[in-house]
Amino acid sequence: MKFSFFSMPLHLPNESPSLAFKRDIELIKLADDLGYDGFFVGEHHTAAWENIPSPELILSKASATASRIKLGSSLVSLPFHHPFNVAERFAFLDQLTEGRAVLGVGPCSLPPDVKLYNIPSQDLNPMMRESMKIIDLLLTSEDPINFKGKYWDIKNMFLQLKSYQQPRLPFATASVGSERSLEFASMYDMQLWSLSNENTPPNSIHWSKQWKKMEEISNRIGTNPIKDDWRLVTYVHLAETNKQAWDEVEKAIERDIHEYFYIIGGADSWLIDKDQDPYSLTAKEIVKQRNWIVGTPEEAIVKINELNDKADGLGGLMLTTHEWTNKHSINNSLELFARYVMPEFKGHTKSLKKAWDITVKDRKDNNIPSLSSKEKSPSLEKHKSNLHLNR
C-alpha cells in the first residue's frame, strides 16, 4: 500500500502567504524524509484559503530538496488552460525531477474559480475531456498533431521536450463516484483518487465500489489501469493518545467546515440530517461520516484495515493536508504515521515482529541458554592473559 498527500492547500487568509508557502515546501521535504510515496498540490485562483495558483512552480522548487518522492498536481483545472501549455509545463517538470511528476487533472471543483473564468458549468467536463485528448497526443506523438474540436483548434503543434517518463508521465484524477469520472480515468489508465465520504451524491457509486466499476469500464474499452494506483483520499491526525489528538484539532475542524467549506460550496453535502442546523454539525460527526482518522497510530491501523477490507483492497491512502494545529503537532502526527502505520501496510516490520515472537516463545520454553559468570569465553581469557603479559 502506498501513502501520499493531497494538498489543496488550506491556509487562513489573514496570515503571510510567503510563510505559508515556505511551510508547504518544508512539509514536502519532511514527507520525502519520512518515506511517503507522493505529494500532490492543487491549483486555485480565488477564495483566498486555497492560494497556490501554479502547482508545478511550487513542486519544482520543492524538488530541489525533496529528492525521492513523486510530485504532482491535485488538480490542474484543464478548462482554464491551453492544453499545449499544460503538456509542456508538466513534461518540463518531469524532466526537472527525473521522472517523478504526475499530472492530476479535473474540470474544477471550486465554484468561485468557475465564476472567475466565466465558463458555463455544462462546458467544464467536455472541455476537460477535449483538453486531455490533446495533452495525451502531444506527449506521445512523434509527429506534430492537428486537432479540431469544439473548444480548441490545434494545428501542427509539437512538444520539443517530451516527458522523462516514457511513453509519457502518468495521469491522475479525483472522483466522488460519478460513472462519467470513472470512465474518464479508465480511458487513460489514470491514478484514481476516491473521496472517502460515506454519503455519495445521487446516482453516484460508493467509494468502496469505484475500482470495481472502473475495471468493468476498462475491460469494455480495452484499457488497463492498475489497482495499486487507486487511492482513498481522507484526513489523518495522530497523537500519542486519542484525547491529545482530539484536543489538538477538534475546534479547527469545525472552523474549516463552518467558515470555509460552507461558504464556497454550501452546507448540504456536509449534513447528515438535511433538517439539522449546519452550524450544529460537530467535528466528531464529520470525522465519522467522512472516514477521517483522528486518534493514535493503533487506532489508525484498525481504521485503515477496516477501509481496506470494505474496498476489497486499496492501492493506498492519500492524506489531505491541513493546518488544524501547530506545526510541531502536525509534524509529530506525520512522523507517528510513518513510524508505526505505514510499516504495517508495507510489510516492513513483518519479519521483525516474527523474530521477536520467536524470541519470546524461546524464553517461555527455556530454549535460550543462560550465560553464567563461570562460563568464560576462550577469546576473553586469551585477551586477559595478553593484558597481564603487557603489564
Protein backbone atom coordinates (compact mmCIF):
# COMPACT_ATOMS: atom_id res chain seq x y z
CA MET A 1 0.00 0.00 0.00
CA LYS A 2 1.25 3.49 -0.87
CA PHE A 3 0.82 6.68 1.13
CA SER A 4 0.81 10.18 -0.30
CA PHE A 5 -0.57 13.67 0.28
CA PHE A 6 -3.44 15.59 -1.26
CA SER A 7 -2.77 19.28 -0.63
CA MET A 8 -5.25 21.96 -1.66
CA PRO A 9 -3.61 23.57 0.46
CA LEU A 10 -5.77 25.31 3.05
CA HIS A 11 -4.25 28.40 4.66
CA LEU A 12 -6.01 31.08 6.68
CA PRO A 13 -6.36 34.28 4.64
CA ASN A 14 -5.15 36.52 7.50
CA GLU A 15 -1.60 35.16 7.53
CA SER A 16 1.54 35.77 5.48
CA PRO A 17 1.24 33.78 2.22
CA SER A 18 5.02 33.60 1.74
CA LEU A 19 5.42 31.95 5.14
CA ALA A 20 2.56 29.56 4.35
CA PHE A 21 4.26 28.54 1.08
CA LYS A 22 7.53 28.05 2.94
CA ARG A 23 5.76 25.65 5.31
CA ASP A 24 4.30 23.78 2.32
CA ILE A 25 7.76 23.30 0.84
CA GLU A 26 9.15 22.19 4.21
CA LEU A 27 6.25 19.74 4.50
CA ILE A 28 7.11 18.19 1.13
CA LYS A 29 10.71 17.77 2.30
CA LEU A 30 9.51 16.17 5.55
CA ALA A 31 7.24 13.79 3.61
CA ASP A 32 10.23 12.82 1.47
CA ASP A 33 12.43 12.21 4.52
CA LEU A 34 9.75 10.11 6.24
CA GLY A 35 9.30 7.79 3.27
CA TYR A 36 5.89 8.86 1.93
CA ASP A 37 5.34 7.99 -1.72
CA GLY A 38 3.89 11.16 -3.23
CA PHE A 39 2.88 14.77 -2.71
CA PHE A 40 0.19 16.43 -4.84
CA VAL A 41 -0.65 20.14 -4.83
CA GLY A 42 -3.83 21.85 -6.04
CA GLU A 43 -4.45 24.80 -8.35
CA HIS A 44 -6.82 27.58 -7.27
CA HIS A 45 -7.27 31.24 -8.14
CA THR A 46 -9.95 32.61 -5.79
CA ALA A 47 -11.45 32.35 -2.29
CA ALA A 48 -8.15 33.11 -0.50
CA TRP A 49 -7.81 29.94 1.62
CA GLU A 50 -6.58 27.69 -1.22
CA ASN A 51 -3.98 30.06 -2.55
CA ILE A 52 -1.48 28.23 -4.78
CA PRO A 53 -2.18 29.21 -8.41
CA SER A 54 0.51 27.05 -10.03
CA PRO A 55 1.28 23.61 -8.57
CA GLU A 56 4.16 22.95 -10.98
CA LEU A 57 6.02 26.04 -9.73
CA ILE A 58 5.95 25.10 -6.05
CA LEU A 59 6.68 21.44 -6.87
CA SER A 60 9.67 22.47 -8.95
CA LYS A 61 11.10 24.42 -6.02
CA ALA A 62 10.31 21.60 -3.59
CA SER A 63 12.08 19.06 -5.82
CA ALA A 64 15.40 20.76 -5.09
CA THR A 65 15.33 19.36 -1.55
CA ALA A 66 12.78 16.52 -1.79
CA SER A 67 14.81 14.21 -3.98
CA ARG A 68 12.86 10.93 -3.95
CA ILE A 69 9.11 11.49 -3.59
CA LYS A 70 6.65 11.60 -6.53
CA LEU A 71 5.35 15.13 -7.20
CA GLY A 72 2.12 16.05 -8.93
CA SER A 73 -0.95 18.25 -9.21
CA SER A 74 -4.23 17.83 -7.36
CA LEU A 75 -5.64 19.02 -9.65
CA VAL A 76 -4.91 21.21 -12.69
CA SER A 77 -8.22 22.70 -13.87
CA LEU A 78 -7.92 21.91 -17.57
CA PRO A 79 -10.68 24.26 -18.83
CA PHE A 80 -8.60 27.24 -17.65
CA HIS A 81 -5.52 26.47 -19.79
CA HIS A 82 -4.47 25.84 -23.34
CA PRO A 83 -3.67 22.10 -23.47
CA PHE A 84 -0.29 22.68 -25.14
CA ASN A 85 0.85 24.76 -22.16
CA VAL A 86 -0.24 22.11 -19.64
CA ALA A 87 1.52 19.32 -21.56
CA GLU A 88 4.69 21.35 -21.97
CA ARG A 89 4.91 22.53 -18.35
CA PHE A 90 4.42 19.06 -16.88
CA ALA A 91 6.80 17.44 -19.35
CA PHE A 92 9.34 20.03 -18.19
CA LEU A 93 8.58 19.28 -14.52
CA ASP A 94 9.05 15.58 -15.24
CA GLN A 95 12.45 16.32 -16.77
CA LEU A 96 13.49 18.52 -13.85
CA THR A 97 12.51 15.80 -11.36
CA GLU A 98 13.96 12.98 -13.49
CA GLY A 99 10.71 11.09 -13.82
CA ARG A 100 8.81 11.91 -10.63
CA ALA A 101 5.98 14.06 -12.00
CA VAL A 102 2.29 13.09 -12.15
CA LEU A 103 -0.31 15.20 -13.97
CA GLY A 104 -3.50 15.25 -11.92
CA VAL A 105 -6.40 16.87 -13.77
CA GLY A 106 -10.01 17.88 -13.23
CA PRO A 107 -12.73 20.17 -14.57
CA CYS A 108 -12.51 22.47 -11.47
CA SER A 109 -14.34 21.87 -8.21
CA LEU A 110 -14.05 25.39 -6.76
CA PRO A 111 -17.17 27.40 -7.67
CA PRO A 112 -15.51 30.84 -7.26
CA ASP A 113 -12.82 29.79 -9.78
CA VAL A 114 -15.52 28.86 -12.29
CA LYS A 115 -17.10 32.26 -11.72
CA LEU A 116 -13.74 33.96 -12.28
CA TYR A 117 -13.22 32.32 -15.67
CA ASN A 118 -16.89 32.75 -16.60
CA ILE A 119 -17.16 29.26 -18.10
CA PRO A 120 -20.67 27.74 -18.24
CA SER A 121 -20.78 24.82 -15.80
CA GLN A 122 -22.06 22.45 -18.50
CA ASP A 123 -18.89 23.11 -20.54
CA LEU A 124 -16.37 22.23 -17.82
CA ASN A 125 -16.39 18.46 -18.22
CA PRO A 126 -16.37 18.36 -22.05
CA MET A 127 -13.60 20.99 -22.10
CA MET A 128 -11.54 18.85 -19.72
CA ARG A 129 -12.03 15.76 -21.87
CA GLU A 130 -11.12 17.51 -25.09
CA SER A 131 -8.04 19.03 -23.47
CA MET A 132 -6.96 15.63 -22.14
CA LYS A 133 -7.12 14.12 -25.63
CA ILE A 134 -4.82 16.83 -26.92
CA ILE A 135 -2.39 16.57 -23.99
CA ASP A 136 -2.13 12.81 -24.44
CA LEU A 137 -1.46 13.22 -28.16
CA LEU A 138 1.17 15.90 -27.58
CA LEU A 139 3.03 13.79 -25.02
CA THR A 140 3.01 10.58 -27.07
CA SER A 141 3.04 11.59 -30.75
CA GLU A 142 6.32 11.52 -32.65
CA ASP A 143 4.91 13.96 -35.18
CA PRO A 144 3.19 17.35 -34.99
CA ILE A 145 -0.52 17.00 -34.27
CA ASN A 146 -3.67 18.57 -35.65
CA PHE A 147 -6.91 18.52 -33.69
CA LYS A 148 -10.11 20.40 -34.36
CA GLY A 149 -12.60 20.21 -31.53
CA LYS A 150 -15.37 22.27 -30.03
CA TYR A 151 -13.07 24.23 -27.72
CA TRP A 152 -9.57 24.02 -29.19
CA ASP A 153 -8.23 24.06 -32.73
CA ILE A 154 -4.67 22.65 -32.75
CA LYS A 155 -2.65 22.99 -35.94
CA ASN A 156 0.78 21.48 -36.48
CA MET A 157 1.79 21.60 -32.79
CA PHE A 158 4.68 19.56 -31.41
CA LEU A 159 6.31 19.26 -28.00
CA GLN A 160 10.03 19.73 -28.45
CA LEU A 161 10.56 18.42 -24.90
CA LYS A 162 8.74 15.22 -24.02
CA SER A 163 8.36 13.85 -20.51
CA TYR A 164 11.22 11.98 -18.83
CA GLN A 165 8.90 9.01 -18.21
CA GLN A 166 8.07 7.10 -21.35
CA PRO A 167 5.83 6.74 -23.24
CA ARG A 168 4.51 9.62 -21.09
CA LEU A 169 4.20 10.73 -17.49
CA PRO A 170 1.23 9.27 -15.52
CA PHE A 171 -2.16 10.98 -15.28
CA ALA A 172 -4.50 11.12 -12.29
CA THR A 173 -7.96 12.39 -11.37
CA ALA A 174 -10.27 12.54 -8.35
CA SER A 175 -13.80 11.17 -8.15
CA VAL A 176 -16.82 11.47 -5.88
CA GLY A 177 -18.29 8.47 -7.65
CA SER A 178 -19.90 9.54 -10.93
CA GLU A 179 -19.64 6.87 -13.59
CA ARG A 180 -18.58 9.59 -16.01
CA SER A 181 -15.46 10.36 -13.95
CA LEU A 182 -14.57 6.67 -13.67
CA GLU A 183 -14.90 6.29 -17.43
CA PHE A 184 -12.60 9.31 -17.89
CA ALA A 185 -10.00 7.78 -15.57
CA SER A 186 -10.26 4.43 -17.34
CA MET A 187 -9.61 5.94 -20.77
CA TYR A 188 -6.07 6.97 -19.82
CA ASP A 189 -5.19 4.33 -17.19
CA MET A 190 -5.18 7.10 -14.62
CA GLN A 191 -4.46 7.00 -10.95
CA LEU A 192 -7.91 7.18 -9.33
CA TRP A 193 -8.35 9.21 -6.16
CA SER A 194 -11.66 8.38 -4.45
CA LEU A 195 -13.03 10.72 -1.78
CA SER A 196 -13.84 8.83 1.43
CA ASN A 197 -17.29 10.30 2.16
CA GLU A 198 -19.92 7.75 3.15
CA ASN A 199 -22.71 9.94 1.73
CA THR A 200 -22.32 9.79 -2.03
CA PRO A 201 -24.15 12.25 -4.32
CA PRO A 202 -27.30 11.00 -6.10
CA ASN A 203 -26.62 8.42 -8.86
CA SER A 204 -23.00 8.09 -7.72
CA ILE A 205 -21.01 4.99 -6.85
CA HIS A 206 -19.85 4.50 -3.25
CA TRP A 207 -16.09 4.92 -2.88
CA SER A 208 -15.63 1.25 -1.95
CA LYS A 209 -17.15 0.12 -5.27
CA GLN A 210 -15.45 2.61 -7.58
CA TRP A 211 -12.49 0.44 -8.53
CA LYS A 212 -14.72 -2.48 -9.42
CA LYS A 213 -16.72 -0.20 -11.72
CA MET A 214 -13.52 1.19 -13.21
CA GLU A 215 -12.37 -2.35 -14.01
CA GLU A 216 -15.69 -3.08 -15.73
CA ILE A 217 -15.35 0.04 -17.87
CA SER A 218 -11.70 -0.68 -18.67
CA ASN A 219 -12.49 -4.22 -19.75
CA ARG A 220 -15.14 -2.84 -22.06
CA ILE A 221 -12.96 -0.17 -23.69
CA GLY A 222 -9.70 -2.11 -23.70
CA THR A 223 -7.54 -0.20 -21.22
CA ASN A 224 -5.57 -1.50 -18.23
CA PRO A 225 -5.46 0.69 -15.11
CA ILE A 226 -3.52 -0.71 -12.15
CA LYS A 227 -5.22 -1.18 -8.79
CA ASP A 228 -2.03 -0.15 -6.99
CA ASP A 229 -2.76 3.32 -8.41
CA TRP A 230 -6.12 3.56 -6.59
CA ARG A 231 -6.06 5.90 -3.58
CA LEU A 232 -8.64 6.71 -0.92
CA VAL A 233 -8.46 10.40 0.00
CA THR A 234 -9.06 11.24 3.67
CA TYR A 235 -7.76 13.34 6.57
CA VAL A 236 -5.47 11.99 9.30
CA HIS A 237 -4.25 13.44 12.57
CA LEU A 238 -2.46 11.31 15.16
CA ALA A 239 -1.02 11.83 18.62
CA GLU A 240 0.23 9.66 21.47
CA THR A 241 -3.27 9.45 22.94
CA ASN A 242 -6.75 9.74 21.47
CA LYS A 243 -7.58 12.63 23.79
CA GLN A 244 -4.48 14.56 22.79
CA ALA A 245 -5.26 14.09 19.09
CA TRP A 246 -8.81 15.40 19.50
CA ASP A 247 -7.76 18.26 21.79
CA GLU A 248 -5.33 19.43 19.11
CA VAL A 249 -7.75 19.52 16.16
CA GLU A 250 -11.42 19.43 17.16
CA LYS A 251 -12.14 23.16 17.10
CA ALA A 252 -10.19 23.76 13.89
CA ILE A 253 -12.05 21.00 12.03
CA GLU A 254 -15.31 22.79 12.77
CA ARG A 255 -13.71 26.12 11.86
CA ASP A 256 -12.68 24.92 8.39
CA ILE A 257 -16.06 23.35 7.65
CA HIS A 258 -18.23 26.13 9.06
CA GLU A 259 -16.15 29.10 7.93
CA TYR A 260 -14.74 27.93 4.60
CA PHE A 261 -16.40 24.93 3.00
CA TYR A 262 -19.93 26.16 3.75
CA ILE A 263 -19.08 29.46 2.04
CA ILE A 264 -17.56 28.09 -1.16
CA GLY A 265 -19.87 25.14 -1.78
CA GLY A 266 -22.81 25.32 0.62
CA ALA A 267 -23.60 23.14 3.62
CA ASP A 268 -25.82 20.47 2.03
CA SER A 269 -23.12 17.94 1.17
CA TRP A 270 -21.79 18.02 4.73
CA LEU A 271 -25.00 17.45 6.63
CA ILE A 272 -26.01 14.07 7.99
CA ASP A 273 -29.61 15.16 8.51
CA LYS A 274 -30.83 17.66 5.92
CA ASP A 275 -33.03 19.34 8.53
CA GLN A 276 -30.25 19.97 11.03
CA ASP A 277 -28.73 23.37 11.71
CA PRO A 278 -25.49 23.34 9.67
CA TYR A 279 -23.59 25.03 12.49
CA SER A 280 -24.58 22.29 14.90
CA LEU A 281 -22.54 19.76 12.90
CA THR A 282 -19.68 18.65 15.15
CA ALA A 283 -16.14 17.60 14.33
CA LYS A 284 -16.78 14.07 15.57
CA GLU A 285 -19.84 13.71 13.32
CA ILE A 286 -17.80 14.96 10.35
CA VAL A 287 -14.90 12.60 11.05
CA LYS A 288 -17.18 9.59 11.34
CA GLN A 289 -19.22 10.37 8.23
CA ARG A 290 -16.18 11.17 6.08
CA ASN A 291 -13.99 8.29 7.28
CA TRP A 292 -11.35 10.68 8.56
CA ILE A 293 -8.87 9.37 11.12
CA VAL A 294 -8.20 11.16 14.41
CA GLY A 295 -6.55 9.24 17.22
CA THR A 296 -3.50 7.07 17.89
CA PRO A 297 -1.36 5.07 15.44
CA GLU A 298 -3.01 1.87 16.71
CA GLU A 299 -6.46 3.29 16.01
CA ALA A 300 -5.32 4.41 12.55
CA ILE A 301 -4.18 0.86 11.73
CA VAL A 302 -7.58 -0.52 12.76
CA LYS A 303 -9.43 2.07 10.68
CA ILE A 304 -7.29 1.60 7.56
CA ASN A 305 -7.73 -2.17 7.79
CA GLU A 306 -11.47 -1.60 8.00
CA LEU A 307 -11.43 0.64 4.91
CA ASN A 308 -9.16 -1.76 3.05
CA ASP A 309 -11.46 -4.70 3.77
CA LYS A 310 -14.52 -2.70 2.74
CA ALA A 311 -12.92 -1.91 -0.62
CA ASP A 312 -11.60 -5.45 -1.12
CA GLY A 313 -8.11 -3.98 -1.19
CA LEU A 314 -6.92 -0.40 -1.71
CA GLY A 315 -3.83 0.67 -3.60
CA GLY A 316 -3.12 3.30 -0.99
CA LEU A 317 -4.22 6.25 1.08
CA MET A 318 -3.92 9.99 0.38
CA LEU A 319 -3.68 12.20 3.46
CA THR A 320 -5.27 15.60 2.89
CA THR A 321 -3.02 18.27 4.35
CA HIS A 322 -4.44 20.58 6.99
CA GLU A 323 -3.40 23.25 9.45
CA TRP A 324 -5.73 22.34 12.27
CA THR A 325 -3.00 22.74 14.86
CA ASN A 326 0.56 23.95 15.25
CA LYS A 327 3.46 22.85 13.07
CA HIS A 328 5.02 20.71 15.81
CA SER A 329 1.84 18.68 16.32
CA ILE A 330 1.29 18.25 12.59
CA ASN A 331 4.85 17.05 12.06
CA ASN A 332 4.52 14.73 15.05
CA SER A 333 1.37 13.24 13.52
CA LEU A 334 3.11 12.62 10.20
CA GLU A 335 6.08 11.02 11.95
CA LEU A 336 3.84 8.76 14.05
CA PHE A 337 2.06 7.68 10.88
CA ALA A 338 5.36 6.98 9.10
CA ARG A 339 6.90 5.14 12.08
CA TYR A 340 4.02 2.93 13.11
CA VAL A 341 1.24 2.91 10.50
CA MET A 342 2.98 2.80 7.12
CA PRO A 343 5.25 -0.17 8.01
CA GLU A 344 2.18 -2.20 8.98
CA PHE A 345 0.81 -1.92 5.43
CA LYS A 346 4.10 -2.01 3.55
CA GLY A 347 5.27 -5.16 5.34
CA HIS A 348 8.46 -3.55 6.60
CA THR A 349 8.10 -4.81 10.18
CA LYS A 350 6.65 -8.25 9.48
CA SER A 351 9.92 -10.16 9.86
CA LEU A 352 10.93 -8.11 12.91
CA LYS A 353 7.68 -8.97 14.67
CA LYS A 354 8.15 -12.62 13.75
CA ALA A 355 11.71 -12.62 15.09
CA TRP A 356 10.53 -11.14 18.38
CA ASP A 357 7.68 -13.66 18.68
CA ILE A 358 10.21 -16.46 18.21
CA THR A 359 12.46 -14.97 20.91
CA VAL A 360 9.58 -14.58 23.37
CA LYS A 361 8.47 -18.18 22.76
CA ASP A 362 12.04 -19.48 23.16
CA ARG A 363 12.35 -17.72 26.51
CA LYS A 364 8.99 -19.11 27.66
CA ASP A 365 10.05 -22.61 26.62
CA ASN A 366 13.50 -22.25 28.25
CA ASN A 367 15.20 -22.59 24.87
CA ILE A 368 17.51 -19.62 25.36
CA PRO A 369 20.76 -20.64 27.09
CA SER A 370 21.86 -18.71 30.16
CA LEU A 371 25.43 -17.48 30.22
CA SER A 372 26.69 -17.82 33.80
CA SER A 373 29.69 -15.91 35.06
CA LYS A 374 31.66 -19.20 35.38
CA GLU A 375 31.38 -19.93 31.66
CA LYS A 376 34.20 -17.91 30.22
CA SER A 377 34.91 -17.34 26.56
CA PRO A 378 38.33 -18.63 25.39
CA SER A 379 38.90 -15.44 23.45
CA LEU A 380 38.17 -13.40 26.59
CA GLU A 381 40.65 -15.49 28.66
CA LYS A 382 43.32 -15.04 25.97
CA HIS A 383 42.68 -11.31 25.94
CA LYS A 384 43.11 -11.16 29.74
CA SER A 385 46.39 -13.09 29.51
CA ASN A 386 47.73 -10.69 26.93
CA LEU A 387 46.84 -7.76 29.14
CA HIS A 388 48.75 -9.39 32.05
CA LEU A 389 51.84 -10.01 29.91
CA ASN A 390 51.80 -6.45 28.62
CA ARG A 391 51.99 -5.13 32.17
